[in-house]
């Protein structure tokens, strides 16, 4: 199953992005999506599985996820 729009679950992550200091734009949202897939260990474009794993990770330890996202995203610059 593939996401038609890479922002399929982004609307639920605004607080996470703010905490990580990431501004989502049209230009960077695909790369952010790839980073999130990598963090949760799901093949790119499998949004339903990514969202499922992401919800678990955030519920378990949101701050740890935010730190990992910030770290991995900063390596892209």
PDB file of N, CA and C in Angstrom:
ATOM      1  N   UNK A   1       0.844  -1.183   0.000  1.00  0.00           N
ATOM      2  CA  UNK A   1       0.000   0.000   0.000  1.00  0.00           C
ATOM      3  C   UNK A   1       0.884   1.239   0.000  1.00  0.00           C
ATOM      4  N   UNK A   2       0.554   2.184  -0.855  1.00  0.00           N
ATOM      5  CA  UNK A   2       1.373   3.385  -0.977  1.00  0.00           C
ATOM      6  C   UNK A   2       0.557   4.616  -0.656  1.00  0.00           C
ATOM      7  N   UNK A   3       1.264   5.627  -0.200  1.00  0.00           N
ATOM      8  CA  UNK A   3       0.646   6.919   0.061  1.00  0.00           C
ATOM      9  C   UNK A   3       0.489   7.679  -1.246  1.00  0.00           C
ATOM     10  N   UNK A   4      -0.646   8.236  -1.473  1.00  0.00           N
ATOM     11  CA  UNK A   4      -0.843   9.079  -2.640  1.00  0.00           C
ATOM     12  C   UNK A   4      -0.136  10.409  -2.396  1.00  0.00           C
ATOM     13  N   UNK A   5      -0.248  10.915  -1.209  1.00  0.00           N
ATOM     14  CA  UNK A   5       0.363  12.186  -0.832  1.00  0.00           C
ATOM     15  C   UNK A   5       1.325  11.911   0.315  1.00  0.00           C
ATOM     16  N   UNK A   6       2.553  12.380   0.213  1.00  0.00           N
ATOM     17  CA  UNK A   6       3.535  12.071   1.251  1.00  0.00           C
ATOM     18  C   UNK A   6       3.168  12.668   2.602  1.00  0.00           C
ATOM     19  N   UNK A   7       2.216  13.553   2.631  1.00  0.00           N
ATOM     20  CA  UNK A   7       1.821  14.157   3.896  1.00  0.00           C
ATOM     21  C   UNK A   7       0.638  13.426   4.517  1.00  0.00           C
ATOM     22  N   UNK A   8       0.450  12.173   4.168  1.00  0.00           N
ATOM     23  CA  UNK A   8      -0.723  11.433   4.625  1.00  0.00           C
ATOM     24  C   UNK A   8      -0.874  11.442   6.142  1.00  0.00           C
ATOM     25  N   UNK A   9       0.204  11.469   6.888  1.00  0.00           N
ATOM     26  CA  UNK A   9       0.123  11.500   8.350  1.00  0.00           C
ATOM     27  C   UNK A   9       0.763  12.750   8.929  1.00  0.00           C
ATOM     28  N   UNK A  10       1.292  13.629   8.102  1.00  0.00           N
ATOM     29  CA  UNK A  10       1.975  14.834   8.580  1.00  0.00           C
ATOM     30  C   UNK A  10       1.047  15.748   9.382  1.00  0.00           C
ATOM     31  N   UNK A  11      -0.225  15.775   9.033  1.00  0.00           N
ATOM     32  CA  UNK A  11      -1.151  16.673   9.740  1.00  0.00           C
ATOM     33  C   UNK A  11      -1.233  16.341  11.221  1.00  0.00           C
ATOM     34  N   UNK A  12      -0.888  15.110  11.580  1.00  0.00           N
ATOM     35  CA  UNK A  12      -0.911  14.693  12.979  1.00  0.00           C
ATOM     36  C   UNK A  12       0.395  14.991  13.706  1.00  0.00           C
ATOM     37  N   UNK A  13       1.390  15.463  12.978  1.00  0.00           N
ATOM     38  CA  UNK A  13       2.732  15.605  13.545  1.00  0.00           C
ATOM     39  C   UNK A  13       3.200  17.047  13.721  1.00  0.00           C
ATOM     40  N   UNK A  14       2.307  17.997  13.595  1.00  0.00           N
ATOM     41  CA  UNK A  14       2.728  19.394  13.672  1.00  0.00           C
ATOM     42  C   UNK A  14       3.495  19.703  14.962  1.00  0.00           C
ATOM     43  N   UNK A  15       3.010  19.217  16.087  1.00  0.00           N
ATOM     44  CA  UNK A  15       3.688  19.447  17.363  1.00  0.00           C
ATOM     45  C   UNK A  15       5.075  18.805  17.372  1.00  0.00           C
ATOM     46  N   UNK A  16       5.193  17.623  16.802  1.00  0.00           N
ATOM     47  CA  UNK A  16       6.475  16.913  16.718  1.00  0.00           C
ATOM     48  C   UNK A  16       7.450  17.724  15.874  1.00  0.00           C
ATOM     49  N   UNK A  17       6.995  18.199  14.716  1.00  0.00           N
ATOM     50  CA  UNK A  17       7.861  18.996  13.857  1.00  0.00           C
ATOM     51  C   UNK A  17       8.295  20.284  14.557  1.00  0.00           C
ATOM     52  N   UNK A  18       7.383  20.926  15.258  1.00  0.00           N
ATOM     53  CA  UNK A  18       7.723  22.148  15.991  1.00  0.00           C
ATOM     54  C   UNK A  18       8.782  21.867  17.047  1.00  0.00           C
ATOM     55  N   UNK A  19       8.591  20.810  17.815  1.00  0.00           N
ATOM     56  CA  UNK A  19       9.559  20.450  18.848  1.00  0.00           C
ATOM     57  C   UNK A  19      10.926  20.130  18.257  1.00  0.00           C
ATOM     58  N   UNK A  20      10.929  19.522  17.071  1.00  0.00           N
ATOM     59  CA  UNK A  20      12.190  19.146  16.420  1.00  0.00           C
ATOM     60  C   UNK A  20      12.809  20.324  15.673  1.00  0.00           C
ATOM     61  N   UNK A  21      12.070  21.435  15.593  1.00  0.00           N
ATOM     62  CA  UNK A  21      12.583  22.604  14.890  1.00  0.00           C
ATOM     63  C   UNK A  21      12.595  22.432  13.378  1.00  0.00           C
ATOM     64  N   UNK A  22      11.645  21.674  12.871  1.00  0.00           N
ATOM     65  CA  UNK A  22      11.573  21.400  11.435  1.00  0.00           C
ATOM     66  C   UNK A  22      10.375  22.121  10.846  1.00  0.00           C
ATOM     67  N   UNK A  23      10.642  22.937   9.840  1.00  0.00           N
ATOM     68  CA  UNK A  23       9.567  23.594   9.104  1.00  0.00           C
ATOM     69  C   UNK A  23       9.293  22.770   7.846  1.00  0.00           C
ATOM     70  N   UNK A  24       8.094  22.266   7.728  1.00  0.00           N
ATOM     71  CA  UNK A  24       7.714  21.449   6.583  1.00  0.00           C
ATOM     72  C   UNK A  24       7.305  22.370   5.441  1.00  0.00           C
ATOM     73  N   UNK A  25       7.935  22.167   4.295  1.00  0.00           N
ATOM     74  CA  UNK A  25       7.617  22.942   3.094  1.00  0.00           C
ATOM     75  C   UNK A  25       7.372  21.974   1.936  1.00  0.00           C
ATOM     76  N   UNK A  26       6.862  22.512   0.854  1.00  0.00           N
ATOM     77  CA  UNK A  26       6.687  21.686  -0.348  1.00  0.00           C
ATOM     78  C   UNK A  26       8.029  21.121  -0.799  1.00  0.00           C
ATOM     79  N   UNK A  27       9.081  21.896  -0.628  1.00  0.00           N
ATOM     80  CA  UNK A  27      10.403  21.497  -1.099  1.00  0.00           C
ATOM     81  C   UNK A  27      11.040  20.391  -0.259  1.00  0.00           C
ATOM     82  N   UNK A  28      10.691  20.298   1.032  1.00  0.00           N
ATOM     83  CA  UNK A  28      11.389  19.335   1.891  1.00  0.00           C
ATOM     84  C   UNK A  28      10.524  18.193   2.430  1.00  0.00           C
ATOM     85  N   UNK A  29       9.239  18.208   2.172  1.00  0.00           N
ATOM     86  CA  UNK A  29       8.374  17.218   2.820  1.00  0.00           C
ATOM     87  C   UNK A  29       8.670  15.780   2.404  1.00  0.00           C
ATOM     88  N   UNK A  30       9.076  15.552   1.161  1.00  0.00           N
ATOM     89  CA  UNK A  30       9.416  14.182   0.742  1.00  0.00           C
ATOM     90  C   UNK A  30      10.629  13.666   1.504  1.00  0.00           C
ATOM     91  N   UNK A  31      11.623  14.526   1.671  1.00  0.00           N
ATOM     92  CA  UNK A  31      12.827  14.104   2.383  1.00  0.00           C
ATOM     93  C   UNK A  31      12.530  13.879   3.868  1.00  0.00           C
ATOM     94  N   UNK A  32      11.691  14.707   4.459  1.00  0.00           N
ATOM     95  CA  UNK A  32      11.269  14.486   5.848  1.00  0.00           C
ATOM     96  C   UNK A  32      10.563  13.137   5.951  1.00  0.00           C
ATOM     97  N   UNK A  33       9.707  12.854   4.990  1.00  0.00           N
ATOM     98  CA  UNK A  33       8.987  11.585   4.971  1.00  0.00           C
ATOM     99  C   UNK A  33       9.957  10.408   4.899  1.00  0.00           C
ATOM    100  N   UNK A  34      10.992  10.524   4.081  1.00  0.00           N
ATOM    101  CA  UNK A  34      12.002   9.467   3.980  1.00  0.00           C
ATOM    102  C   UNK A  34      12.731   9.272   5.315  1.00  0.00           C
ATOM    103  N   UNK A  35      13.050  10.373   5.979  1.00  0.00           N
ATOM    104  CA  UNK A  35      13.739  10.297   7.276  1.00  0.00           C
ATOM    105  C   UNK A  35      12.852   9.590   8.301  1.00  0.00           C
ATOM    106  N   UNK A  36      11.581   9.918   8.325  1.00  0.00           N
ATOM    107  CA  UNK A  36      10.655   9.288   9.268  1.00  0.00           C
ATOM    108  C   UNK A  36      10.546   7.794   8.979  1.00  0.00           C
ATOM    109  N   UNK A  37      10.423   7.423   7.717  1.00  0.00           N
ATOM    110  CA  UNK A  37      10.373   6.002   7.353  1.00  0.00           C
ATOM    111  C   UNK A  37      11.634   5.287   7.847  1.00  0.00           C
ATOM    112  N   UNK A  38      12.774   5.934   7.663  1.00  0.00           N
ATOM    113  CA  UNK A  38      14.045   5.347   8.111  1.00  0.00           C
ATOM    114  C   UNK A  38      14.061   5.150   9.628  1.00  0.00           C
ATOM    115  N   UNK A  39      13.616   6.155  10.356  1.00  0.00           N
ATOM    116  CA  UNK A  39      13.620   6.092  11.826  1.00  0.00           C
ATOM    117  C   UNK A  39      12.776   4.926  12.327  1.00  0.00           C
ATOM    118  N   UNK A  40      11.598   4.753  11.749  1.00  0.00           N
ATOM    119  CA  UNK A  40      10.710   3.697  12.242  1.00  0.00           C
ATOM    120  C   UNK A  40      10.972   2.351  11.583  1.00  0.00           C
ATOM    121  N   UNK A  41      11.892   2.315  10.621  1.00  0.00           N
ATOM    122  CA  UNK A  41      12.292   1.050  10.021  1.00  0.00           C
ATOM    123  C   UNK A  41      11.286   0.454   9.056  1.00  0.00           C
ATOM    124  N   UNK A  42      10.612   1.323   8.297  1.00  0.00           N
ATOM    125  CA  UNK A  42       9.614   0.861   7.329  1.00  0.00           C
ATOM    126  C   UNK A  42      10.038   1.324   5.941  1.00  0.00           C
ATOM    127  N   UNK A  43       9.872   0.444   4.950  1.00  0.00           N
ATOM    128  CA  UNK A  43      10.219   0.755   3.569  1.00  0.00           C
ATOM    129  C   UNK A  43       9.488   2.018   3.117  1.00  0.00           C
ATOM    130  N   UNK A  44      10.208   2.893   2.403  1.00  0.00           N
ATOM    131  CA  UNK A  44       9.643   4.160   1.951  1.00  0.00           C
ATOM    132  C   UNK A  44       8.392   3.956   1.100  1.00  0.00           C
ATOM    133  N   UNK A  45       7.446   4.787   1.344  1.00  0.00           N
ATOM    134  CA  UNK A  45       6.136   4.855   0.699  1.00  0.00           C
ATOM    135  C   UNK A  45       5.095   3.936   1.320  1.00  0.00           C
ATOM    136  N   UNK A  46       5.451   3.186   2.340  1.00  0.00           N
ATOM    137  CA  UNK A  46       4.456   2.365   3.034  1.00  0.00           C
ATOM    138  C   UNK A  46       3.925   3.192   4.206  1.00  0.00           C
ATOM    139  N   UNK A  47       3.067   4.143   3.871  1.00  0.00           N
ATOM    140  CA  UNK A  47       2.585   5.092   4.877  1.00  0.00           C
ATOM    141  C   UNK A  47       1.739   4.456   5.987  1.00  0.00           C
ATOM    142  N   UNK A  48       0.840   3.528   5.688  1.00  0.00           N
ATOM    143  CA  UNK A  48       0.058   2.940   6.775  1.00  0.00           C
ATOM    144  C   UNK A  48       0.942   2.261   7.833  1.00  0.00           C
ATOM    145  N   UNK A  49       1.935   1.516   7.400  1.00  0.00           N
ATOM    146  CA  UNK A  49       2.826   0.860   8.358  1.00  0.00           C
ATOM    147  C   UNK A  49       3.696   1.877   9.083  1.00  0.00           C
ATOM    148  N   UNK A  50       4.110   2.908   8.369  1.00  0.00           N
ATOM    149  CA  UNK A  50       4.918   3.959   8.993  1.00  0.00           C
ATOM    150  C   UNK A  50       4.113   4.667  10.067  1.00  0.00           C
ATOM    151  N   UNK A  51       2.887   5.043   9.763  1.00  0.00           N
ATOM    152  CA  UNK A  51       2.031   5.728  10.727  1.00  0.00           C
ATOM    153  C   UNK A  51       1.787   4.844  11.945  1.00  0.00           C
ATOM    154  N   UNK A  52       1.581   3.565  11.733  1.00  0.00           N
ATOM    155  CA  UNK A  52       1.360   2.629  12.842  1.00  0.00           C
ATOM    156  C   UNK A  52       2.582   2.590  13.764  1.00  0.00           C
ATOM    157  N   UNK A  53       3.764   2.447  13.192  1.00  0.00           N
ATOM    158  CA  UNK A  53       4.991   2.405  13.993  1.00  0.00           C
ATOM    159  C   UNK A  53       5.285   3.749  14.637  1.00  0.00           C
ATOM    160  N   UNK A  54       5.025   4.807  13.910  1.00  0.00           N
ATOM    161  CA  UNK A  54       5.262   6.148  14.419  1.00  0.00           C
ATOM    162  C   UNK A  54       4.407   6.433  15.648  1.00  0.00           C
ATOM    163  N   UNK A  55       3.137   6.059  15.594  1.00  0.00           N
ATOM    164  CA  UNK A  55       2.256   6.261  16.757  1.00  0.00           C
ATOM    165  C   UNK A  55       2.778   5.511  17.973  1.00  0.00           C
ATOM    166  N   UNK A  56       3.272   4.285  17.767  1.00  0.00           N
ATOM    167  CA  UNK A  56       3.826   3.509  18.878  1.00  0.00           C
ATOM    168  C   UNK A  56       5.043   4.207  19.473  1.00  0.00           C
ATOM    169  N   UNK A  57       5.959   4.643  18.597  1.00  0.00           N
ATOM    170  CA  UNK A  57       7.193   5.286  19.062  1.00  0.00           C
ATOM    171  C   UNK A  57       6.901   6.561  19.834  1.00  0.00           C
ATOM    172  N   UNK A  58       5.999   7.376  19.327  1.00  0.00           N
ATOM    173  CA  UNK A  58       5.665   8.645  19.968  1.00  0.00           C
ATOM    174  C   UNK A  58       4.964   8.394  21.301  1.00  0.00           C
ATOM    175  N   UNK A  59       4.075   7.419  21.354  1.00  0.00           N
ATOM    176  CA  UNK A  59       3.375   7.102  22.609  1.00  0.00           C
ATOM    177  C   UNK A  59       4.347   6.566  23.655  1.00  0.00           C
ATOM    178  N   UNK A  60       5.321   5.805  23.217  1.00  0.00           N
ATOM    179  CA  UNK A  60       6.296   5.226  24.132  1.00  0.00           C
ATOM    180  C   UNK A  60       7.248   6.273  24.679  1.00  0.00           C
ATOM    181  N   UNK A  61       7.776   7.134  23.807  1.00  0.00           N
ATOM    182  CA  UNK A  61       8.743   8.141  24.244  1.00  0.00           C
ATOM    183  C   UNK A  61       8.840   9.248  23.199  1.00  0.00           C
ATOM    184  N   UNK A  62       7.946  10.205  23.303  1.00  0.00           N
ATOM    185  CA  UNK A  62       7.876  11.284  22.318  1.00  0.00           C
ATOM    186  C   UNK A  62       9.171  12.073  22.250  1.00  0.00           C
ATOM    187  N   UNK A  63       9.740  12.405  23.386  1.00  0.00           N
ATOM    188  CA  UNK A  63      10.952  13.219  23.405  1.00  0.00           C
ATOM    189  C   UNK A  63      12.113  12.519  22.705  1.00  0.00           C
ATOM    190  N   UNK A  64      12.231  11.231  22.911  1.00  0.00           N
ATOM    191  CA  UNK A  64      13.285  10.468  22.253  1.00  0.00           C
ATOM    192  C   UNK A  64      13.092  10.490  20.739  1.00  0.00           C
ATOM    193  N   UNK A  65      11.852  10.345  20.289  1.00  0.00           N
ATOM    194  CA  UNK A  65      11.580  10.394  18.854  1.00  0.00           C
ATOM    195  C   UNK A  65      11.915  11.771  18.299  1.00  0.00           C
ATOM    196  N   UNK A  66      11.523  12.818  19.013  1.00  0.00           N
ATOM    197  CA  UNK A  66      11.807  14.189  18.564  1.00  0.00           C
ATOM    198  C   UNK A  66      13.318  14.391  18.430  1.00  0.00           C
ATOM    199  N   UNK A  67      14.067  13.939  19.410  1.00  0.00           N
ATOM    200  CA  UNK A  67      15.527  14.082  19.355  1.00  0.00           C
ATOM    201  C   UNK A  67      16.126  13.331  18.172  1.00  0.00           C
ATOM    202  N   UNK A  68      15.653  12.110  17.928  1.00  0.00           N
ATOM    203  CA  UNK A  68      16.160  11.332  16.809  1.00  0.00           C
ATOM    204  C   UNK A  68      15.804  11.982  15.481  1.00  0.00           C
ATOM    205  N   UNK A  69      14.591  12.485  15.363  1.00  0.00           N
ATOM    206  CA  UNK A  69      14.171  13.161  14.144  1.00  0.00           C
ATOM    207  C   UNK A  69      15.025  14.405  13.914  1.00  0.00           C
ATOM    208  N   UNK A  70      15.225  15.203  14.949  1.00  0.00           N
ATOM    209  CA  UNK A  70      16.039  16.415  14.837  1.00  0.00           C
ATOM    210  C   UNK A  70      17.459  16.066  14.397  1.00  0.00           C
ATOM    211  N   UNK A  71      18.034  15.036  15.007  1.00  0.00           N
ATOM    212  CA  UNK A  71      19.396  14.627  14.692  1.00  0.00           C
ATOM    213  C   UNK A  71      19.521  14.148  13.243  1.00  0.00           C
ATOM    214  N   UNK A  72      18.636  13.258  12.837  1.00  0.00           N
ATOM    215  CA  UNK A  72      18.709  12.715  11.477  1.00  0.00           C
ATOM    216  C   UNK A  72      18.416  13.804  10.436  1.00  0.00           C
ATOM    217  N   UNK A  73      17.484  14.693  10.743  1.00  0.00           N
ATOM    218  CA  UNK A  73      17.160  15.759   9.806  1.00  0.00           C
ATOM    219  C   UNK A  73      18.335  16.716   9.658  1.00  0.00           C
ATOM    220  N   UNK A  74      19.008  17.014  10.768  1.00  0.00           N
ATOM    221  CA  UNK A  74      20.135  17.960  10.706  1.00  0.00           C
ATOM    222  C   UNK A  74      21.281  17.421   9.868  1.00  0.00           C
ATOM    223  N   UNK A  75      21.399  16.112   9.721  1.00  0.00           N
ATOM    224  CA  UNK A  75      22.453  15.512   8.899  1.00  0.00           C
ATOM    225  C   UNK A  75      22.206  15.723   7.408  1.00  0.00           C
ATOM    226  N   UNK A  76      21.019  16.154   7.044  1.00  0.00           N
ATOM    227  CA  UNK A  76      20.690  16.392   5.636  1.00  0.00           C
ATOM    228  C   UNK A  76      21.171  17.752   5.148  1.00  0.00           C
ATOM    229  N   UNK A  77      21.722  18.539   6.051  1.00  0.00           N
ATOM    230  CA  UNK A  77      22.161  19.889   5.668  1.00  0.00           C
ATOM    231  C   UNK A  77      23.637  20.013   5.648  1.00  0.00           C
TER     232      UNK A  77
END
